[in-house]
PDB file of N, CA and C in Angstrom:
ATOM      1  N   MET A   1      82.613 101.631 118.967  1.00  0.00           N
ATOM      2  CA  MET A   1      81.213 101.355 119.286  1.00  0.00           C
ATOM      3  C   MET A   1      80.193 100.313 118.299  1.00  0.00           C
ATOM      4  N   GLY A   2      80.627 100.148 117.924  1.00  0.00           N
ATOM      5  CA  GLY A   2      80.016  98.854 116.080  1.00  0.00           C
ATOM      6  C   GLY A   2      79.519 100.241 114.889  1.00  0.00           C
ATOM      7  N   HIS A   3      79.732 101.203 114.834  1.00  0.00           N
ATOM      8  CA  HIS A   3      79.496 101.887 113.853  1.00  0.00           C
ATOM      9  C   HIS A   3      80.506 102.399 112.862  1.00  0.00           C
ATOM     10  N   PRO A   4      79.974 101.769 111.719  1.00  0.00           N
ATOM     11  CA  PRO A   4      80.822 101.681 110.445  1.00  0.00           C
ATOM     12  C   PRO A   4      82.242 103.795 110.606  1.00  0.00           C
ATOM     13  N   LEU A   5      82.816 103.509 109.987  1.00  0.00           N
ATOM     14  CA  LEU A   5      83.156 104.352 109.687  1.00  0.00           C
ATOM     15  C   LEU A   5      83.621 104.677 107.744  1.00  0.00           C
ATOM     16  N   GLU A   6      83.731 105.771 108.108  1.00  0.00           N
ATOM     17  CA  GLU A   6      83.908 106.454 105.624  1.00  0.00           C
ATOM     18  C   GLU A   6      84.844 107.531 105.899  1.00  0.00           C
ATOM     19  N   PHE A   7      85.857 107.354 105.469  1.00  0.00           N
ATOM     20  CA  PHE A   7      87.017 108.518 105.616  1.00  0.00           C
ATOM     21  C   PHE A   7      87.506 108.889 103.992  1.00  0.00           C
ATOM     22  N   ASP A   8      86.985 109.937 103.582  1.00  0.00           N
ATOM     23  CA  ASP A   8      87.811 109.976 102.422  1.00  0.00           C
ATOM     24  C   ASP A   8      89.081 110.332 102.809  1.00  0.00           C
ATOM     25  N   TYR A   9      90.321 110.457 102.066  1.00  0.00           N
ATOM     26  CA  TYR A   9      91.417 110.667 101.462  1.00  0.00           C
ATOM     27  C   TYR A   9      92.459 111.483 100.449  1.00  0.00           C
ATOM     28  N   LEU A  10      92.662 112.749 100.385  1.00  0.00           N
ATOM     29  CA  LEU A  10      92.890 113.185  99.288  1.00  0.00           C
ATOM     30  C   LEU A  10      94.246 113.388  99.377  1.00  0.00           C
ATOM     31  N   ILE A  11      94.798 113.625  98.314  1.00  0.00           N
ATOM     32  CA  ILE A  11      96.558 113.798  98.425  1.00  0.00           C
ATOM     33  C   ILE A  11      96.703 114.407  96.845  1.00  0.00           C
ATOM     34  N   LYS A  12      97.569 115.014  97.049  1.00  0.00           N
ATOM     35  CA  LYS A  12      97.818 116.028  95.403  1.00  0.00           C
ATOM     36  C   LYS A  12      99.284 115.778  95.825  1.00  0.00           C
ATOM     37  N   LEU A  13      99.892 115.194  94.442  1.00  0.00           N
ATOM     38  CA  LEU A  13     100.998 115.332  94.078  1.00  0.00           C
ATOM     39  C   LEU A  13     101.701 115.996  92.863  1.00  0.00           C
ATOM     40  N   SER A  14     103.087 116.739  93.113  1.00  0.00           N
ATOM     41  CA  SER A  14     103.932 117.462  91.982  1.00  0.00           C
ATOM     42  C   SER A  14     103.822 116.324  90.989  1.00  0.00           C
ATOM     43  N   PRO A  15     104.555 116.550  90.058  1.00  0.00           N
ATOM     44  CA  PRO A  15     104.687 115.629  88.874  1.00  0.00           C
ATOM     45  C   PRO A  15     106.004 114.932  89.240  1.00  0.00           C
ATOM     46  N   ALA A  16     105.850 113.773  88.117  1.00  0.00           N
ATOM     47  CA  ALA A  16     106.524 112.587  88.093  1.00  0.00           C
ATOM     48  C   ALA A  16     107.907 113.460  88.413  1.00  0.00           C
ATOM     49  N   GLU A  17     108.221 114.639  87.407  1.00  0.00           N
ATOM     50  CA  GLU A  17     109.478 115.252  87.087  1.00  0.00           C
ATOM     51  C   GLU A  17     110.406 116.272  88.760  1.00  0.00           C
ATOM     52  N   ASP A  18     109.281 115.948  89.975  1.00  0.00           N
ATOM     53  CA  ASP A  18     109.801 116.500  91.283  1.00  0.00           C
ATOM     54  C   ASP A  18     109.817 115.634  91.919  1.00  0.00           C
ATOM     55  N   CYS A  19     109.811 114.210  91.663  1.00  0.00           N
ATOM     56  CA  CYS A  19     109.202 112.603  92.145  1.00  0.00           C
ATOM     57  C   CYS A  19     108.602 113.071  93.361  1.00  0.00           C
ATOM     58  N   TYR A  20     107.476 113.680  92.672  1.00  0.00           N
ATOM     59  CA  TYR A  20     105.586 112.970  93.197  1.00  0.00           C
ATOM     60  C   TYR A  20     105.010 113.528  94.571  1.00  0.00           C
ATOM     61  N   LYS A  21     106.335 115.215  94.722  1.00  0.00           N
ATOM     62  CA  LYS A  21     106.831 115.197  96.133  1.00  0.00           C
ATOM     63  C   LYS A  21     105.055 115.662  96.740  1.00  0.00           C
ATOM     64  N   ILE A  22     104.733 115.438  97.911  1.00  0.00           N
ATOM     65  CA  ILE A  22     103.209 115.304  98.364  1.00  0.00           C
ATOM     66  C   ILE A  22     102.927 117.251  98.880  1.00  0.00           C
ATOM     67  N   ILE A  23     102.431 117.618  98.239  1.00  0.00           N
ATOM     68  CA  ILE A  23     102.180 119.206  98.232  1.00  0.00           C
ATOM     69  C   ILE A  23     100.856 118.856  99.193  1.00  0.00           C
ATOM     70  N   SER A  24      99.634 118.394  99.149  1.00  0.00           N
ATOM     71  CA  SER A  24      98.850 118.172 100.539  1.00  0.00           C
ATOM     72  C   SER A  24      97.824 117.098 100.690  1.00  0.00           C
ATOM     73  N   MET A  25      97.560 117.217 101.775  1.00  0.00           N
ATOM     74  CA  MET A  25      97.122 115.730 101.918  1.00  0.00           C
ATOM     75  C   MET A  25      95.969 116.117 103.073  1.00  0.00           C
ATOM     76  N   ASN A  26      94.800 115.614 103.188  1.00  0.00           N
ATOM     77  CA  ASN A  26      94.278 116.099 103.162  1.00  0.00           C
ATOM     78  C   ASN A  26      92.881 114.735 103.681  1.00  0.00           C
ATOM     79  N   CYS A  27      92.490 114.729 105.097  1.00  0.00           N
ATOM     80  CA  CYS A  27      91.370 113.703 105.278  1.00  0.00           C
ATOM     81  C   CYS A  27      90.168 114.125 106.111  1.00  0.00           C
ATOM     82  N   ASN A  28      88.839 113.358 105.949  1.00  0.00           N
ATOM     83  CA  ASN A  28      87.914 114.075 106.453  1.00  0.00           C
ATOM     84  C   ASN A  28      86.746 112.809 105.716  1.00  0.00           C
ATOM     85  N   PRO A  29      85.690 113.202 107.282  1.00  0.00           N
ATOM     86  CA  PRO A  29      85.185 111.798 106.925  1.00  0.00           C
ATOM     87  C   PRO A  29      83.199 112.031 105.475  1.00  0.00           C
ATOM     88  N   ALA A  30      83.943 110.869 104.653  1.00  0.00           N
ATOM     89  CA  ALA A  30      83.068 111.233 103.516  1.00  0.00           C
ATOM     90  C   ALA A  30      81.658 111.793 103.264  1.00  0.00           C
ATOM     91  N   PRO A  31      80.889 112.299 102.914  1.00  0.00           N
ATOM     92  CA  PRO A  31      79.362 112.938 102.673  1.00  0.00           C
ATOM     93  C   PRO A  31      78.613 112.179 103.177  1.00  0.00           C
ATOM     94  N   GLY A  32      77.615 112.353 103.645  1.00  0.00           N
ATOM     95  CA  GLY A  32      76.939 111.365 104.539  1.00  0.00           C
ATOM     96  C   GLY A  32      77.092 110.669 105.184  1.00  0.00           C
ATOM     97  N   ASP A  33      78.004 109.848 105.597  1.00  0.00           N
ATOM     98  CA  ASP A  33      78.950 109.273 107.092  1.00  0.00           C
ATOM     99  C   ASP A  33      78.289 110.029 108.146  1.00  0.00           C
ATOM    100  N   ASN A  34      77.929 109.523 109.070  1.00  0.00           N
ATOM    101  CA  ASN A  34      77.678 110.028 110.685  1.00  0.00           C
ATOM    102  C   ASN A  34      78.819 109.036 111.830  1.00  0.00           C
ATOM    103  N   GLY A  35      79.054 107.512 111.132  1.00  0.00           N
ATOM    104  CA  GLY A  35      79.899 107.248 111.490  1.00  0.00           C
ATOM    105  C   GLY A  35      80.909 107.373 113.117  1.00  0.00           C
ATOM    106  N   TYR A  36      81.636 109.012 112.716  1.00  0.00           N
ATOM    107  CA  TYR A  36      82.281 109.385 113.373  1.00  0.00           C
ATOM    108  C   TYR A  36      81.839 109.916 114.767  1.00  0.00           C
ATOM    109  N   LYS A  37      80.638 110.231 114.606  1.00  0.00           N
ATOM    110  CA  LYS A  37      80.407 110.840 115.685  1.00  0.00           C
ATOM    111  C   LYS A  37      79.824 109.503 116.873  1.00  0.00           C
ATOM    112  N   TYR A  38      80.070 108.719 116.850  1.00  0.00           N
ATOM    113  CA  TYR A  38      80.072 107.438 117.458  1.00  0.00           C
ATOM    114  C   TYR A  38      81.733 106.678 117.896  1.00  0.00           C
ATOM    115  N   MET A  39      82.693 107.725 118.056  1.00  0.00           N
ATOM    116  CA  MET A  39      83.824 107.730 118.173  1.00  0.00           C
ATOM    117  C   MET A  39      84.198 107.903 119.839  1.00  0.00           C
ATOM    118  N   CYS A  40      84.743 107.551 120.637  1.00  0.00           N
ATOM    119  CA  CYS A  40      84.737 107.047 121.974  1.00  0.00           C
ATOM    120  C   CYS A  40      85.707 109.522 122.034  1.00  0.00           C
ATOM    121  N   GLU A  41      86.547 109.261 121.015  1.00  0.00           N
ATOM    122  CA  GLU A  41      87.222 110.772 121.310  1.00  0.00           C
ATOM    123  C   GLU A  41      86.099 111.539 120.599  1.00  0.00           C
ATOM    124  N   TYR A  42      85.252 111.448 119.199  1.00  0.00           N
ATOM    125  CA  TYR A  42      84.360 111.855 119.487  1.00  0.00           C
ATOM    126  C   TYR A  42      83.227 113.153 120.629  1.00  0.00           C
ATOM    127  N   ILE A  43      82.876 111.771 121.069  1.00  0.00           N
ATOM    128  CA  ILE A  43      81.915 112.213 122.029  1.00  0.00           C
ATOM    129  C   ILE A  43      82.809 113.280 123.212  1.00  0.00           C
ATOM    130  N   ASN A  44      84.300 112.440 123.656  1.00  0.00           N
ATOM    131  CA  ASN A  44      84.229 113.266 124.321  1.00  0.00           C
ATOM    132  C   ASN A  44      84.358 114.674 124.319  1.00  0.00           C
ATOM    133  N   ASP A  45      85.271 115.022 122.886  1.00  0.00           N
ATOM    134  CA  ASP A  45      85.897 116.646 122.681  1.00  0.00           C
ATOM    135  C   ASP A  45      86.076 116.264 121.281  1.00  0.00           C
ATOM    136  N   PRO A  46      84.524 116.015 120.469  1.00  0.00           N
ATOM    137  CA  PRO A  46      84.239 116.493 119.264  1.00  0.00           C
ATOM    138  C   PRO A  46      85.196 117.324 117.979  1.00  0.00           C
ATOM    139  N   ASP A  47      85.606 118.880 118.334  1.00  0.00           N
ATOM    140  CA  ASP A  47      86.364 119.401 117.984  1.00  0.00           C
ATOM    141  C   ASP A  47      87.565 119.392 117.902  1.00  0.00           C
ATOM    142  N   SER A  48      88.146 118.956 119.390  1.00  0.00           N
ATOM    143  CA  SER A  48      89.567 118.523 119.355  1.00  0.00           C
ATOM    144  C   SER A  48      89.983 117.371 118.368  1.00  0.00           C
ATOM    145  N   ILE A  49      89.250 116.141 118.507  1.00  0.00           N
ATOM    146  CA  ILE A  49      89.858 115.175 117.143  1.00  0.00           C
ATOM    147  C   ILE A  49      89.510 115.373 116.090  1.00  0.00           C
ATOM    148  N   MET A  50      88.253 116.107 115.982  1.00  0.00           N
ATOM    149  CA  MET A  50      88.195 116.496 114.239  1.00  0.00           C
ATOM    150  C   MET A  50      89.521 117.484 113.777  1.00  0.00           C
ATOM    151  N   ASN A  51      89.509 118.288 114.928  1.00  0.00           N
ATOM    152  CA  ASN A  51      90.870 119.010 114.119  1.00  0.00           C
ATOM    153  C   ASN A  51      92.459 118.174 114.026  1.00  0.00           C
ATOM    154  N   SER A  52      92.091 117.300 115.282  1.00  0.00           N
ATOM    155  CA  SER A  52      93.234 116.120 114.475  1.00  0.00           C
ATOM    156  C   SER A  52      93.891 115.849 113.735  1.00  0.00           C
ATOM    157  N   ILE A  53      92.508 115.477 113.003  1.00  0.00           N
ATOM    158  CA  ILE A  53      92.373 114.629 112.224  1.00  0.00           C
ATOM    159  C   ILE A  53      92.359 114.961 111.116  1.00  0.00           C
ATOM    160  N   LYS A  54      92.066 116.137 110.453  1.00  0.00           N
ATOM    161  CA  LYS A  54      91.974 117.767 109.600  1.00  0.00           C
ATOM    162  C   LYS A  54      92.954 118.066 109.849  1.00  0.00           C
ATOM    163  N   ASN A  55      93.997 118.049 110.661  1.00  0.00           N
ATOM    164  CA  ASN A  55      95.130 119.199 110.747  1.00  0.00           C
ATOM    165  C   ASN A  55      96.624 117.944 110.706  1.00  0.00           C
ATOM    166  N   GLU A  56      96.445 116.740 110.782  1.00  0.00           N
ATOM    167  CA  GLU A  56      97.730 115.687 110.690  1.00  0.00           C
ATOM    168  C   GLU A  56      97.995 115.386 109.467  1.00  0.00           C
ATOM    169  N   LYS A  57      99.395 115.152 108.901  1.00  0.00           N
ATOM    170  CA  LYS A  57      99.541 114.994 107.872  1.00  0.00           C
ATOM    171  C   LYS A  57     100.975 114.838 107.419  1.00  0.00           C
ATOM    172  N   PRO A  58     101.341 113.743 107.699  1.00  0.00           N
ATOM    173  CA  PRO A  58     102.422 113.158 107.967  1.00  0.00           C
ATOM    174  C   PRO A  58     103.258 113.115 106.299  1.00  0.00           C
ATOM    175  N   LEU A  59     104.588 113.412 106.649  1.00  0.00           N
ATOM    176  CA  LEU A  59     105.263 113.041 105.270  1.00  0.00           C
ATOM    177  C   LEU A  59     104.558 114.385 103.984  1.00  0.00           C
ATOM    178  N   ILE A  60     104.097 115.128 104.832  1.00  0.00           N
ATOM    179  CA  ILE A  60     103.846 116.561 103.353  1.00  0.00           C
ATOM    180  C   ILE A  60     105.054 116.750 103.306  1.00  0.00           C
ATOM    181  N   GLY A  61     105.509 117.614 101.779  1.00  0.00           N
ATOM    182  CA  GLY A  61     106.200 118.220 101.187  1.00  0.00           C
ATOM    183  C   GLY A  61     107.250 117.124 100.686  1.00  0.00           C
ATOM    184  N   LYS A  62     107.536 115.858 101.401  1.00  0.00           N
ATOM    185  CA  LYS A  62     108.841 114.574 101.360  1.00  0.00           C
ATOM    186  C   LYS A  62     107.562 113.586 100.099  1.00  0.00           C
ATOM    187  N   GLU A  63     109.007 113.274  99.304  1.00  0.00           N
ATOM    188  CA  GLU A  63     108.621 112.731  98.239  1.00  0.00           C
ATOM    189  C   GLU A  63     107.549 111.094  98.527  1.00  0.00           C
ATOM    190  N   LEU A  64     106.915 110.858  97.483  1.00  0.00           N
ATOM    191  CA  LEU A  64     106.432 109.664  97.919  1.00  0.00           C
ATOM    192  C   LEU A  64     106.639 108.337  97.953  1.00  0.00           C
ATOM    193  N   LYS A  65     108.352 108.118  97.171  1.00  0.00           N
ATOM    194  CA  LYS A  65     108.702 107.083  97.901  1.00  0.00           C
ATOM    195  C   LYS A  65     109.359 107.118  99.257  1.00  0.00           C
ATOM    196  N   ASP A  66     109.136 108.241 100.086  1.00  0.00           N
ATOM    197  CA  ASP A  66     109.160 108.195 101.612  1.00  0.00           C
ATOM    198  C   ASP A  66     108.559 107.519 102.594  1.00  0.00           C
ATOM    199  N   VAL A  67     107.563 107.011 101.726  1.00  0.00           N
ATOM    200  CA  VAL A  67     106.405 106.483 102.452  1.00  0.00           C
ATOM    201  C   VAL A  67     107.342 104.706 102.475  1.00  0.00           C
ATOM    202  N   LEU A  68     108.045 104.562 101.459  1.00  0.00           N
ATOM    203  CA  LEU A  68     108.016 102.581 101.743  1.00  0.00           C
ATOM    204  C   LEU A  68     109.705 103.209 102.675  1.00  0.00           C
ATOM    205  N   ASN A  69     109.877 104.272 103.560  1.00  0.00           N
ATOM    206  CA  ASN A  69     111.153 104.212 104.768  1.00  0.00           C
ATOM    207  C   ASN A  69     110.754 104.637 105.679  1.00  0.00           C
ATOM    208  N   TRP A  70     109.712 105.044 105.633  1.00  0.00           N
ATOM    209  CA  TRP A  70     108.498 105.449 106.960  1.00  0.00           C
ATOM    210  C   TRP A  70     107.762 104.219 108.305  1.00  0.00           C
ATOM    211  N   LYS A  71     108.404 104.366 109.197  1.00  0.00           N
ATOM    212  CA  LYS A  71     108.489 103.351 110.218  1.00  0.00           C
ATOM    213  C   LYS A  71     107.134 103.779 111.046  1.00  0.00           C
ATOM    214  N   TYR A  72     106.370 104.074 110.331  1.00  0.00           N
ATOM    215  CA  TYR A  72     104.588 104.628 111.660  1.00  0.00           C
ATOM    216  C   TYR A  72     104.381 103.536 112.332  1.00  0.00           C
ATOM    217  N   GLN A  73     103.679 103.604 113.395  1.00  0.00           N
ATOM    218  CA  GLN A  73     103.353 102.567 114.671  1.00  0.00           C
ATOM    219  C   GLN A  73     102.011 102.316 113.856  1.00  0.00           C
ATOM    220  N   PHE A  74     102.516 100.459 114.427  1.00  0.00           N
ATOM    221  CA  PHE A  74     101.311  99.497 113.754  1.00  0.00           C
ATOM    222  C   PHE A  74     100.004  99.626 114.823  1.00  0.00           C
ATOM    223  N   ASN A  75      99.071  99.996 114.233  1.00  0.00           N
ATOM    224  CA  ASN A  75      97.355  99.780 115.104  1.00  0.00           C
ATOM    225  C   ASN A  75      96.626 100.324 114.009  1.00  0.00           C
ATOM    226  N   PRO A  76      96.252  99.189 114.376  1.00  0.00           N
ATOM    227  CA  PRO A  76      94.505  98.458 113.218  1.00  0.00           C
ATOM    228  C   PRO A  76      93.847  98.871 113.840  1.00  0.00           C
ATOM    229  N   GLU A  77      93.414  99.696 115.351  1.00  0.00           N
ATOM    230  CA  GLU A  77      92.352  99.792 115.358  1.00  0.00           C
ATOM    231  C   GLU A  77      90.922 100.356 114.708  1.00  0.00           C
ATOM    232  N   GLY A  78      90.081 100.585 114.030  1.00  0.00           N
ATOM    233  CA  GLY A  78      89.119 100.685 112.934  1.00  0.00           C
ATOM    234  C   GLY A  78      88.739 102.139 113.377  1.00  0.00           C
ATOM    235  N   CYS A  79      88.944 102.945 114.851  1.00  0.00           N
ATOM    236  CA  CYS A  79      88.712 104.269 115.258  1.00  0.00           C
ATOM    237  C   CYS A  79      89.582 105.223 114.927  1.00  0.00           C
ATOM    238  N   TYR A  80      89.421 106.423 114.649  1.00  0.00           N
ATOM    239  CA  TYR A  80      90.321 107.750 114.616  1.00  0.00           C
ATOM    240  C   TYR A  80      90.876 108.395 115.812  1.00  0.00           C
ATOM    241  N   CYS A  81      90.523 107.768 117.084  1.00  0.00           N
ATOM    242  CA  CYS A  81      90.777 107.873 118.400  1.00  0.00           C
ATOM    243  C   CYS A  81      91.776 108.870 118.933  1.00  0.00           C
ATOM    244  N   LYS A  82      92.669 107.609 118.175  1.00  0.00           N
ATOM    245  CA  LYS A  82      94.574 107.175 118.878  1.00  0.00           C
ATOM    246  C   LYS A  82      95.336 108.072 117.844  1.00  0.00           C
ATOM    247  N   PRO A  83      96.174 108.874 117.675  1.00  0.00           N
ATOM    248  CA  PRO A  83      97.185 109.421 117.466  1.00  0.00           C
ATOM    249  C   PRO A  83      98.019 108.182 115.679  1.00  0.00           C
ATOM    250  N   ASP A  84      98.111 107.163 117.303  1.00  0.00           N
ATOM    251  CA  ASP A  84      99.046 105.874 116.182  1.00  0.00           C
ATOM    252  C   ASP A  84      97.825 105.703 115.427  1.00  0.00           C
ATOM    253  N   SER A  85      96.557 105.320 115.677  1.00  0.00           N
ATOM    254  CA  SER A  85      95.752 104.381 114.921  1.00  0.00           C
ATOM    255  C   SER A  85      95.352 105.857 113.343  1.00  0.00           C
ATOM    256  N   ARG A  86      95.415 106.299 113.517  1.00  0.00           N
ATOM    257  CA  ARG A  86      95.278 108.122 112.146  1.00  0.00           C
ATOM    258  C   ARG A  86      96.559 107.484 111.882  1.00  0.00           C
ATOM    259  N   GLU A  87      97.926 107.312 112.614  1.00  0.00           N
ATOM    260  CA  GLU A  87      98.756 107.428 111.426  1.00  0.00           C
ATOM    261  C   GLU A  87      98.998 106.056 110.327  1.00  0.00           C
ATOM    262  N   HIS A  88      98.699 105.287 111.029  1.00  0.00           N
ATOM    263  CA  HIS A  88      98.332 103.822 110.781  1.00  0.00           C
ATOM    264  C   HIS A  88      97.590 103.625 109.260  1.00  0.00           C
ATOM    265  N   LYS A  89      96.698 104.473 109.583  1.00  0.00           N
ATOM    266  CA  LYS A  89      95.858 105.145 108.601  1.00  0.00           C
ATOM    267  C   LYS A  89      97.054 105.442 107.518  1.00  0.00           C
ATOM    268  N   TRP A  90      97.284 106.519 107.905  1.00  0.00           N
ATOM    269  CA  TRP A  90      97.515 107.285 106.449  1.00  0.00           C
ATOM    270  C   TRP A  90      98.616 106.349 106.281  1.00  0.00           C
ATOM    271  N   GLY A  91      99.654 105.757 107.159  1.00  0.00           N
ATOM    272  CA  GLY A  91     100.408 104.956 106.070  1.00  0.00           C
ATOM    273  C   GLY A  91     100.040 103.778 104.926  1.00  0.00           C
ATOM    274  N   LEU A  92      98.780 103.171 105.673  1.00  0.00           N
ATOM    275  CA  LEU A  92      98.090 102.164 103.932  1.00  0.00           C
ATOM    276  C   LEU A  92      97.640 103.494 103.220  1.00  0.00           C
ATOM    277  N   VAL A  93      97.532 104.221 103.137  1.00  0.00           N
ATOM    278  CA  VAL A  93      97.193 104.502 101.901  1.00  0.00           C
ATOM    279  C   VAL A  93      98.023 105.165 101.261  1.00  0.00           C
ATOM    280  N   MET A  94      99.362 105.891 101.823  1.00  0.00           N
ATOM    281  CA  MET A  94     100.099 106.436 101.181  1.00  0.00           C
ATOM    282  C   MET A  94     100.999 104.924 100.340  1.00  0.00           C
ATOM    283  N   GLU A  95     101.080 104.506 101.259  1.00  0.00           N
ATOM    284  CA  GLU A  95     101.242 102.795 100.878  1.00  0.00           C
ATOM    285  C   GLU A  95     100.434 102.210  99.279  1.00  0.00           C
ATOM    286  N   VAL A  96      99.322 101.737  99.229  1.00  0.00           N
ATOM    287  CA  VAL A  96      98.421 102.320  98.139  1.00  0.00           C
ATOM    288  C   VAL A  96      98.518 102.644  97.571  1.00  0.00           C
ATOM    289  N   LEU A  97      99.090 103.959  97.621  1.00  0.00           N
ATOM    290  CA  LEU A  97      98.481 105.155  96.273  1.00  0.00           C
ATOM    291  C   LEU A  97     100.207 104.837  95.674  1.00  0.00           C
ATOM    292  N   HIS A  98     101.356 105.000  96.572  1.00  0.00           N
ATOM    293  CA  HIS A  98     102.510 104.014  95.927  1.00  0.00           C
ATOM    294  C   HIS A  98     103.001 102.926  94.858  1.00  0.00           C
ATOM    295  N   TYR A  99     102.323 102.348  95.588  1.00  0.00           N
ATOM    296  CA  TYR A  99     101.667 100.834  95.351  1.00  0.00           C
ATOM    297  C   TYR A  99     101.359 101.455  93.392  1.00  0.00           C
ATOM    298  N   ALA A 100     100.004 101.790  93.596  1.00  0.00           N
ATOM    299  CA  ALA A 100      99.149 101.984  92.192  1.00  0.00           C
ATOM    300  C   ALA A 100      99.790 102.970  91.255  1.00  0.00           C
ATOM    301  N   LEU A 101     100.268 103.991  92.025  1.00  0.00           N
ATOM    302  CA  LEU A 101     101.321 104.703  90.849  1.00  0.00           C
ATOM    303  C   LEU A 101     102.700 103.968  89.605  1.00  0.00           C
ATOM    304  N   VAL A 102     103.383 103.300  90.902  1.00  0.00           N
ATOM    305  CA  VAL A 102     104.035 102.210  90.398  1.00  0.00           C
ATOM    306  C   VAL A 102     103.524 101.694  89.415  1.00  0.00           C
ATOM    307  N   GLN A 103     102.536 100.427  89.410  1.00  0.00           N
ATOM    308  CA  GLN A 103     101.748  99.970  88.960  1.00  0.00           C
ATOM    309  C   GLN A 103     101.661 100.644  87.309  1.00  0.00           C
ATOM    310  N   TYR A 104     101.186 101.922  87.606  1.00  0.00           N
ATOM    311  CA  TYR A 104     100.454 102.784  86.488  1.00  0.00           C
ATOM    312  C   TYR A 104     101.392 102.896  85.402  1.00  0.00           C
ATOM    313  N   GLU A 105     102.551 103.695  85.932  1.00  0.00           N
ATOM    314  CA  GLU A 105     103.751 104.021  85.194  1.00  0.00           C
ATOM    315  C   GLU A 105     104.328 102.974  84.551  1.00  0.00           C
ATOM    316  N   ASN A 106     104.584 101.735  85.442  1.00  0.00           N
ATOM    317  CA  ASN A 106     104.964 100.334  84.932  1.00  0.00           C
ATOM    318  C   ASN A 106     104.032 100.028  83.266  1.00  0.00           C
ATOM    319  N   LYS A 107     103.527 100.061  83.699  1.00  0.00           N
ATOM    320  CA  LYS A 107     102.288  99.874  82.409  1.00  0.00           C
ATOM    321  C   LYS A 107     102.472 100.496  80.899  1.00  0.00           C
ATOM    322  N   THR A 108     101.984 101.928  81.722  1.00  0.00           N
ATOM    323  CA  THR A 108     103.229 102.714  80.716  1.00  0.00           C
ATOM    324  C   THR A 108     103.661 103.365  80.126  1.00  0.00           C
ATOM    325  N   LYS A 109     104.498 102.638  80.575  1.00  0.00           N
ATOM    326  CA  LYS A 109     105.901 102.715  79.791  1.00  0.00           C
ATOM    327  C   LYS A 109     106.316 101.460  78.732  1.00  0.00           C
ATOM    328  N   ASN A 110     105.383 100.387  79.571  1.00  0.00           N
ATOM    329  CA  ASN A 110     105.573  99.112  78.634  1.00  0.00           C
ATOM    330  C   ASN A 110     104.345  99.541  77.618  1.00  0.00           C
ATOM    331  N   ILE A 111     103.390 100.665  77.627  1.00  0.00           N
ATOM    332  CA  ILE A 111     102.386 100.673  76.396  1.00  0.00           C
ATOM    333  C   ILE A 111     103.770 101.638  75.165  1.00  0.00           C
ATOM    334  N   SER A 112     104.288 102.714  75.594  1.00  0.00           N
ATOM    335  CA  SER A 112     105.294 103.260  74.517  1.00  0.00           C
ATOM    336  C   SER A 112     106.374 102.336  74.189  1.00  0.00           C
ATOM    337  N   GLN A 113     106.927 101.540  75.224  1.00  0.00           N
ATOM    338  CA  GLN A 113     107.684 100.473  74.078  1.00  0.00           C
ATOM    339  C   GLN A 113     107.367  99.927  72.929  1.00  0.00           C
ATOM    340  N   LEU A 114     106.050  98.910  72.651  1.00  0.00           N
ATOM    341  CA  LEU A 114     104.888  98.956  72.297  1.00  0.00           C
ATOM    342  C   LEU A 114     105.041  99.640  71.006  1.00  0.00           C
ATOM    343  N   ILE A 115     104.407 101.001  71.131  1.00  0.00           N
ATOM    344  CA  ILE A 115     104.089 101.654  70.076  1.00  0.00           C
ATOM    345  C   ILE A 115     105.535 102.163  69.418  1.00  0.00           C
ATOM    346  N   VAL A 116     106.552 102.397  70.029  1.00  0.00           N
ATOM    347  CA  VAL A 116     107.717 102.840  69.676  1.00  0.00           C
ATOM    348  C   VAL A 116     108.679 101.571  68.478  1.00  0.00           C
ATOM    349  N   SER A 117     108.543 100.427  69.083  1.00  0.00           N
ATOM    350  CA  SER A 117     109.579  99.287  68.636  1.00  0.00           C
ATOM    351  C   SER A 117     108.431  98.728  67.174  1.00  0.00           C
TER     352      SER A 117
END
């Protein structure tokens, strides 16, 4: 309905020694954001849509690298009304997290090699 949405994704991973298993996943409207109240499904049934957003936790218990083989539905809609749209957003979040962690590890590895050399 033309209102911006802002959601926070919070993911907790196990240590590298445990292959970065996904321990917890949470998606909630960002503090101060009320754009979600204008979504169609929120207007129809606010409790149901917010419970769905809160309780959907794809890949929980899996290793972060499993996101690379996860075939989630492509659905780039801006809202969170449909399960495919929410899953698509989780997929993007997890891919970005995986990419950032690989970059961090590579940088850390290179720094360690420079210090040891």
